């Protein structure tokens, strides 16, 4: 049963102090590009070394409180403050939980296949890179080489892309932006995967063995574009792909030329989603099954997000629907839209708002930005 969002619920003046809560985020992947530099003496890395990076929680130590608050400013905009508001907007909603039976089976099989992989390609949704980072991914992969791909580059603005590129660049991280539908970034990804795993055949030759194709596994949340990337790499439809979560339901190895093998895997998500802010973003971006959430609640939160995001505010909603919003109660906006266009059917109105965002009709923008320590 949907829980209505009251106007007073979003009144920030009624909040005496920010809450203390923990984020279950995984660290981003650090990718160091090295063209001619010699490898560190302690190991024998390939041309490009990928190791675990710093903790990428939205807040220092994964905890938000008045003493360790951090933010990222765009023209004076405080993105950490938006996350704080999102916490309050979502805390009384019905919890979003989605864990189909095939994911549990896939997770077990994937852990076995990881032993055969030379490199792992983790694909995330470019609109919500942090929310599509699996909290257990680091422990599963250990020291295995990894490549980070932010897909759906076509769904975010240049400012969003630059913000994430700068965020990773400041940490010495190299990230690939891609568009699985049109194939942008896929050839670069193929070359990088072969380069990262070049060490495999160097060691085989040293032992007098013949070279073999590099084995790369593509992993990530549901509907982030894993299968589309493979199909674009292969330039033919080898893996089932559709714009909804849960299409790929089994592991499948495919060959890319003579020197690269790719493993397509179903989307994997935590059995229990403790971070409900991330869960709501997954719902907004259609990266989780629709049966797991109330469409009207999720659309209401999206309205409030768009009302607060820089370069969006209330104008994007007015330009699309010609309905005013004060950004305080998204349910009121959904109700107005239902009366205007859908014969008072709020479910249809909410679905239209979500569909318009997912198709880029409400502008190209990410729902997350990296945060940096505030300079006092």
Protein backbone atom coordinates (compact mmCIF):
# COMPACT_ATOMS: atom_id res chain seq x y z
CA UNK A 1 0.00 0.00 0.00
CA UNK A 2 1.41 3.37 -1.00
CA UNK A 3 2.35 5.77 1.75
CA UNK A 4 1.39 9.39 1.03
CA UNK A 5 4.09 12.01 1.40
CA UNK A 6 2.74 14.90 3.47
CA UNK A 7 3.74 18.49 2.89
CA UNK A 8 4.99 18.86 6.44
CA UNK A 9 7.18 15.82 6.02
CA UNK A 10 9.44 17.71 3.64
CA UNK A 11 9.70 20.84 5.75
CA UNK A 12 13.38 21.06 6.54
CA UNK A 13 12.75 23.57 9.31
CA UNK A 14 11.12 20.81 11.32
CA UNK A 15 14.39 18.86 11.40
CA UNK A 16 16.46 19.83 14.40
CA UNK A 17 19.68 18.20 13.23
CA UNK A 18 20.86 15.90 10.43
CA UNK A 19 20.36 12.19 11.13
CA UNK A 20 23.19 9.78 11.60
CA UNK A 21 23.09 6.91 9.16
CA UNK A 22 25.44 4.56 7.37
CA UNK A 23 25.81 4.05 3.66
CA UNK A 24 26.61 0.63 2.28
CA UNK A 25 28.78 1.76 -0.60
CA UNK A 26 31.69 0.01 -2.20
CA UNK A 27 34.94 1.78 -3.02
CA UNK A 28 35.39 2.79 -6.64
CA UNK A 29 37.93 1.04 -8.80
CA UNK A 30 41.28 2.70 -9.23
CA UNK A 31 42.68 2.34 -12.73
CA UNK A 32 46.18 3.62 -13.29
CA UNK A 33 47.17 4.10 -16.91
CA UNK A 34 50.85 3.52 -17.60
CA UNK A 35 52.29 3.66 -21.09
CA UNK A 36 56.01 3.23 -20.65
CA UNK A 37 56.48 3.42 -16.90
CA UNK A 38 58.20 0.52 -15.24
CA UNK A 39 56.07 -1.64 -12.93
CA UNK A 40 56.52 -1.44 -9.15
CA UNK A 41 59.21 -3.76 -7.89
CA UNK A 42 56.83 -5.50 -5.46
CA UNK A 43 54.75 -7.08 -8.24
CA UNK A 44 54.56 -7.69 -11.96
CA UNK A 45 51.57 -5.66 -13.14
CA UNK A 46 50.44 -5.49 -16.77
CA UNK A 47 50.51 -2.32 -18.84
CA UNK A 48 47.50 -0.98 -16.94
CA UNK A 49 47.18 -1.75 -13.28
CA UNK A 50 43.76 -1.75 -11.61
CA UNK A 51 43.56 -1.87 -7.85
CA UNK A 52 41.02 -1.01 -5.16
CA UNK A 53 40.59 2.70 -4.47
CA UNK A 54 39.58 4.84 -1.53
CA UNK A 55 36.22 4.62 0.12
CA UNK A 56 33.71 6.40 -2.11
CA UNK A 57 30.94 6.91 0.41
CA UNK A 58 28.93 10.06 -0.02
CA UNK A 59 30.01 11.02 3.49
CA UNK A 60 33.30 10.62 5.29
CA UNK A 61 33.63 7.20 6.94
CA UNK A 62 30.25 6.30 5.41
CA UNK A 63 28.45 8.26 8.16
CA UNK A 64 26.67 11.56 7.88
CA UNK A 65 26.50 13.94 10.79
CA UNK A 66 27.10 17.60 11.51
CA UNK A 67 30.81 17.03 12.20
CA UNK A 68 31.89 15.29 8.98
CA UNK A 69 29.55 16.74 6.39
CA UNK A 70 31.04 17.03 2.91
CA UNK A 71 29.65 18.45 -0.23
CA UNK A 72 30.11 19.04 -3.91
CA UNK A 73 29.21 22.47 -5.20
CA UNK A 74 27.96 23.36 -8.63
CA UNK A 75 27.40 27.10 -8.80
CA UNK A 76 26.92 27.06 -5.03
CA UNK A 77 24.74 23.93 -4.99
CA UNK A 78 25.20 21.48 -2.12
CA UNK A 79 24.75 17.91 -3.38
CA UNK A 80 25.29 16.41 0.07
CA UNK A 81 22.36 18.48 1.29
CA UNK A 82 20.22 16.89 -1.42
CA UNK A 83 21.21 13.44 -0.17
CA UNK A 84 20.20 14.48 3.31
CA UNK A 85 16.77 15.55 2.04
CA UNK A 86 16.43 12.33 0.05
CA UNK A 87 16.98 10.35 3.23
CA UNK A 88 14.03 12.11 4.86
CA UNK A 89 11.85 11.78 1.77
CA UNK A 90 12.35 8.02 1.59
CA UNK A 91 12.51 6.90 5.22
CA UNK A 92 8.74 6.44 5.60
CA UNK A 93 8.11 4.83 2.21
CA UNK A 94 7.53 1.15 1.69
CA UNK A 95 11.00 -0.51 1.58
CA UNK A 96 12.20 -1.40 -1.90
CA UNK A 97 13.39 -5.01 -2.02
CA UNK A 98 13.88 -7.13 -5.14
CA UNK A 99 15.75 -10.42 -5.31
CA UNK A 100 14.44 -12.84 -7.98
CA UNK A 101 15.34 -16.50 -7.58
CA UNK A 102 17.61 -16.58 -10.65
CA UNK A 103 19.92 -13.96 -9.08
CA UNK A 104 20.78 -16.21 -6.13
CA UNK A 105 21.67 -19.01 -8.53
CA UNK A 106 23.64 -16.65 -10.75
CA UNK A 107 25.60 -15.25 -7.83
CA UNK A 108 26.77 -18.73 -6.85
CA UNK A 109 27.75 -19.61 -10.44
CA UNK A 110 29.45 -16.26 -10.99
CA UNK A 111 31.71 -16.77 -7.99
CA UNK A 112 32.89 -20.03 -9.56
CA UNK A 113 33.45 -18.42 -12.97
CA UNK A 114 35.48 -15.62 -11.40
CA UNK A 115 38.29 -18.11 -10.94
CA UNK A 116 38.58 -18.35 -14.75
CA UNK A 117 38.55 -14.61 -15.46
CA UNK A 118 41.66 -12.62 -16.29
CA UNK A 119 39.89 -9.28 -15.97
CA UNK A 120 36.47 -8.16 -14.71
CA UNK A 121 34.53 -5.34 -16.35
CA UNK A 122 32.13 -3.73 -13.88
CA UNK A 123 29.35 -1.79 -15.60
CA UNK A 124 27.44 0.91 -13.71
CA UNK A 125 24.62 3.26 -14.65
CA UNK A 126 26.19 6.63 -15.45
CA UNK A 127 23.20 8.42 -13.90
CA UNK A 128 23.75 6.73 -10.51
CA UNK A 129 27.32 5.34 -10.38
CA UNK A 130 27.40 4.99 -6.59
CA UNK A 131 23.98 3.38 -6.27
CA UNK A 132 24.87 0.73 -8.90
CA UNK A 133 28.03 -0.34 -7.08
CA UNK A 134 27.48 -3.74 -5.44
CA UNK A 135 28.58 -3.64 -1.77
CA UNK A 136 30.21 -7.10 -2.02
CA UNK A 137 31.96 -6.66 -5.35
CA UNK A 138 35.37 -5.89 -3.84
CA UNK A 139 35.33 -8.98 -1.62
CA UNK A 140 34.32 -11.20 -4.56
CA UNK A 141 37.01 -9.92 -6.90
CA UNK A 142 39.86 -9.51 -4.43
CA UNK A 143 43.00 -8.46 -6.32
CA UNK A 144 41.63 -9.46 -9.72
CA UNK A 145 42.13 -6.80 -12.39
CA UNK A 146 39.07 -4.71 -13.08
CA UNK A 147 37.80 -2.06 -15.48
CA UNK A 148 35.10 0.44 -14.51
CA UNK A 149 32.56 1.42 -17.17
CA UNK A 150 29.93 4.13 -16.70
CA UNK A 151 27.26 3.28 -19.24
CA UNK A 152 24.41 5.44 -20.56
CA UNK A 153 26.71 8.34 -21.30
CA UNK A 154 23.94 9.64 -23.57
CA UNK A 155 21.62 10.07 -20.56
CA UNK A 156 23.81 12.50 -18.60
CA UNK A 157 24.95 16.05 -19.26
CA UNK A 158 28.45 17.14 -20.16
CA UNK A 159 28.71 18.70 -16.70
CA UNK A 160 27.82 15.37 -15.08
CA UNK A 161 30.37 13.54 -17.20
CA UNK A 162 33.08 16.08 -16.42
CA UNK A 163 32.29 15.96 -12.71
CA UNK A 164 32.76 12.18 -12.57
CA UNK A 165 35.82 12.25 -14.84
CA UNK A 166 37.36 14.91 -12.59
CA UNK A 167 36.42 12.96 -9.45
CA UNK A 168 38.15 9.80 -10.66
CA UNK A 169 40.99 11.72 -12.27
CA UNK A 170 41.89 13.40 -8.96
CA UNK A 171 42.38 9.92 -7.53
CA UNK A 172 44.44 8.70 -10.50
CA UNK A 173 41.47 6.72 -11.79
CA UNK A 174 40.73 6.08 -15.44
CA UNK A 175 37.11 5.35 -16.31
CA UNK A 176 35.40 4.51 -19.59
CA UNK A 177 32.14 6.25 -20.49
CA UNK A 178 30.00 4.29 -22.91
CA UNK A 179 26.71 4.20 -24.75
CA UNK A 180 25.72 0.56 -25.18
CA UNK A 181 22.90 1.41 -27.58
CA UNK A 182 25.07 3.27 -30.10
CA UNK A 183 28.35 1.53 -29.35
CA UNK A 184 30.31 4.56 -28.12
CA UNK A 185 33.24 3.47 -25.97
CA UNK A 186 32.93 -0.23 -26.78
CA UNK A 187 36.00 -0.54 -29.00
CA UNK A 188 38.06 1.33 -26.42
CA UNK A 189 36.77 -1.10 -23.81
CA UNK A 190 37.81 -4.09 -25.92
CA UNK A 191 41.33 -2.73 -26.39
CA UNK A 192 41.66 -1.91 -22.71
CA UNK A 193 40.51 -5.38 -21.64
CA UNK A 194 43.15 -7.00 -23.85
CA UNK A 195 45.83 -4.60 -22.62
CA UNK A 196 44.98 -5.13 -18.95
CA UNK A 197 45.19 -8.90 -19.27
CA UNK A 198 48.29 -8.93 -21.50
CA UNK A 199 50.26 -10.26 -18.53
CA UNK A 200 48.42 -13.58 -18.84
CA UNK A 201 50.02 -14.57 -22.13
CA UNK A 202 53.38 -13.08 -21.17
CA UNK A 203 53.51 -15.57 -18.30
CA UNK A 204 52.29 -18.40 -20.55
CA UNK A 205 55.04 -17.75 -23.09
CA UNK A 206 57.61 -17.68 -20.29
CA UNK A 207 56.47 -21.20 -19.37
CA UNK A 208 56.62 -22.35 -22.97
CA UNK A 209 52.83 -22.41 -23.41
CA UNK A 210 50.87 -21.10 -26.37
CA UNK A 211 48.88 -17.88 -25.88
CA UNK A 212 45.11 -18.13 -25.30
CA UNK A 213 42.23 -15.65 -25.54
CA UNK A 214 41.86 -13.21 -22.66
CA UNK A 215 38.81 -14.03 -20.51
CA UNK A 216 36.81 -11.01 -19.39
CA UNK A 217 33.66 -11.15 -17.28
CA UNK A 218 31.09 -8.36 -17.51
CA UNK A 219 29.23 -7.84 -14.23
CA UNK A 220 26.92 -5.27 -12.71
CA UNK A 221 23.41 -4.45 -11.56
CA UNK A 222 20.34 -5.38 -13.64
CA UNK A 223 19.59 -3.27 -16.72
CA UNK A 224 22.79 -1.23 -16.66
CA UNK A 225 23.59 -2.28 -20.24
CA UNK A 226 25.93 -5.26 -19.89
CA UNK A 227 24.45 -7.33 -22.73
CA UNK A 228 24.13 -4.29 -25.01
CA UNK A 229 27.84 -3.57 -24.58
CA UNK A 230 28.71 -7.14 -25.58
CA UNK A 231 26.42 -7.02 -28.61
CA UNK A 232 28.03 -3.77 -29.73
CA UNK A 233 31.49 -5.20 -29.25
CA UNK A 234 30.59 -8.25 -31.32
CA UNK A 235 28.63 -6.15 -33.84
CA UNK A 236 25.84 -8.71 -33.73
CA UNK A 237 23.11 -9.76 -31.32
CA UNK A 238 24.67 -12.59 -29.36
CA UNK A 239 23.14 -11.83 -25.95
CA UNK A 240 19.47 -11.03 -25.20
CA UNK A 241 19.04 -7.36 -24.31
CA UNK A 242 15.99 -5.21 -23.52
CA UNK A 243 15.38 -1.96 -21.61
CA UNK A 244 14.12 -3.70 -18.47
CA UNK A 245 15.79 -5.57 -15.60
CA UNK A 246 15.93 -9.37 -15.48
CA UNK A 247 16.24 -10.17 -19.22
CA UNK A 248 19.56 -12.03 -18.95
CA UNK A 249 18.97 -15.01 -16.68
CA UNK A 250 22.03 -17.23 -17.19
CA UNK A 251 25.79 -16.99 -17.72
CA UNK A 252 27.02 -17.11 -21.30
CA UNK A 253 30.53 -17.08 -22.77
CA UNK A 254 30.97 -15.47 -26.20
CA UNK A 255 34.09 -15.04 -28.38
CA UNK A 256 35.27 -11.62 -29.56
CA UNK A 257 37.81 -12.22 -32.32
CA UNK A 258 40.64 -14.62 -31.64
CA UNK A 259 42.04 -13.02 -28.52
CA UNK A 260 39.11 -12.11 -26.23
CA UNK A 261 36.32 -14.13 -24.59
CA UNK A 262 33.49 -12.34 -22.79
CA UNK A 263 31.18 -13.65 -20.09
CA UNK A 264 27.72 -12.09 -20.06
CA UNK A 265 26.04 -12.42 -16.66
CA UNK A 266 22.61 -11.56 -15.24
CA UNK A 267 22.37 -8.50 -13.06
CA UNK A 268 23.33 -9.09 -9.44
CA UNK A 269 22.02 -7.06 -6.51
CA UNK A 270 22.27 -7.42 -2.73
CA UNK A 271 19.85 -9.89 -1.16
CA UNK A 272 18.68 -7.10 1.13
CA UNK A 273 18.98 -3.44 0.20
CA UNK A 274 19.76 -1.54 3.38
CA UNK A 275 20.40 1.73 1.52
CA UNK A 276 16.88 2.80 0.58
CA UNK A 277 18.09 6.04 -1.01
CA UNK A 278 20.05 3.95 -3.49
CA UNK A 279 17.04 1.64 -3.93
CA UNK A 280 14.78 4.57 -4.87
CA UNK A 281 17.34 5.74 -7.43
CA UNK A 282 17.46 2.23 -8.90
CA UNK A 283 13.67 2.35 -9.23
CA UNK A 284 13.74 5.79 -10.87
CA UNK A 285 16.33 4.62 -13.41
CA UNK A 286 14.53 1.30 -14.07
CA UNK A 287 17.46 -0.74 -12.74
CA UNK A 288 15.26 -2.87 -10.48
CA UNK A 289 12.01 -4.81 -10.98
CA UNK A 290 8.85 -2.68 -11.07
CA UNK A 291 7.01 -5.02 -8.70
CA UNK A 292 9.40 -4.06 -5.91
CA UNK A 293 8.23 -0.46 -5.53
CA UNK A 294 5.19 1.80 -5.59
CA UNK A 295 5.30 3.74 -8.86
CA UNK A 296 3.49 6.76 -7.42
CA UNK A 297 5.88 7.08 -4.48
CA UNK A 298 8.94 6.80 -6.72
CA UNK A 299 7.61 9.35 -9.21
CA UNK A 300 6.86 11.75 -6.34
CA UNK A 301 10.46 11.50 -5.13
CA UNK A 302 11.72 12.08 -8.69
CA UNK A 303 9.62 15.26 -8.92
CA UNK A 304 11.22 16.55 -5.74
CA UNK A 305 14.70 15.63 -6.96
CA UNK A 306 14.18 17.42 -10.26
CA UNK A 307 12.86 20.44 -8.37
CA UNK A 308 16.14 20.62 -6.46
CA UNK A 309 18.75 19.59 -9.02
CA UNK A 310 20.83 22.44 -10.49
CA UNK A 311 19.99 23.34 -14.11
CA UNK A 312 16.65 21.53 -13.69
CA UNK A 313 14.57 23.01 -10.83
CA UNK A 314 10.88 23.52 -11.49
CA UNK A 315 11.38 24.68 -15.08
CA UNK A 316 11.91 21.22 -16.52
CA UNK A 317 8.60 20.01 -15.09
CA UNK A 318 6.72 23.12 -16.20
CA UNK A 319 8.18 22.95 -19.73
CA UNK A 320 7.09 19.33 -20.09
CA UNK A 321 3.71 19.26 -18.35
CA UNK A 322 2.70 22.93 -17.91
CA UNK A 323 1.92 22.20 -14.26
CA UNK A 324 3.45 24.18 -11.41
CA UNK A 325 5.23 22.57 -8.48
CA UNK A 326 6.71 24.01 -5.34
CA UNK A 327 9.14 21.08 -4.99
CA UNK A 328 7.88 20.27 -1.51
CA UNK A 329 5.33 17.54 -2.16
CA UNK A 330 5.77 15.40 -5.24
CA UNK A 331 2.52 13.57 -4.60
CA UNK A 332 0.62 16.81 -5.17
CA UNK A 333 2.28 17.21 -8.58
CA UNK A 334 1.47 13.62 -9.55
CA UNK A 335 -2.14 14.18 -8.50
CA UNK A 336 -2.40 17.37 -10.59
CA UNK A 337 -0.94 15.59 -13.63
CA UNK A 338 -3.38 12.70 -13.16
CA UNK A 339 -6.34 15.08 -13.20
CA UNK A 340 -5.05 17.01 -16.21
CA UNK A 341 -4.08 14.11 -18.49
CA UNK A 342 -5.09 10.73 -17.11
CA UNK A 343 -8.66 11.02 -15.83
CA UNK A 344 -7.39 11.14 -12.21
CA UNK A 345 -5.39 7.89 -12.61
CA UNK A 346 -2.31 8.60 -10.46
CA UNK A 347 -0.60 5.35 -11.41
CA UNK A 348 -0.63 6.29 -15.10
CA UNK A 349 0.53 9.82 -14.30
CA UNK A 350 3.40 8.51 -12.19
CA UNK A 351 4.41 6.03 -14.88
CA UNK A 352 4.48 8.83 -17.46
CA UNK A 353 6.83 10.91 -15.30
CA UNK A 354 9.21 7.99 -14.79
CA UNK A 355 9.05 7.02 -18.46
CA UNK A 356 9.80 10.59 -19.55
CA UNK A 357 12.85 10.72 -17.29
CA UNK A 358 14.14 7.32 -18.45
CA UNK A 359 13.84 8.41 -22.09
CA UNK A 360 15.60 11.72 -21.53
CA UNK A 361 12.49 13.84 -22.07
CA UNK A 362 13.11 15.65 -18.79
CA UNK A 363 16.63 16.55 -19.80
CA UNK A 364 19.93 14.71 -19.62
CA UNK A 365 21.17 14.66 -16.04
CA UNK A 366 22.61 12.37 -13.41
CA UNK A 367 20.94 11.90 -10.05
CA UNK A 368 24.28 11.63 -8.27
CA UNK A 369 27.43 13.69 -8.22
CA UNK A 370 30.71 12.95 -6.46
CA UNK A 371 31.25 14.88 -3.26
CA UNK A 372 34.46 16.52 -2.14
CA UNK A 373 35.56 17.61 1.36
CA UNK A 374 34.34 21.11 2.08
CA UNK A 375 37.09 23.71 2.22
CA UNK A 376 36.64 25.65 5.48
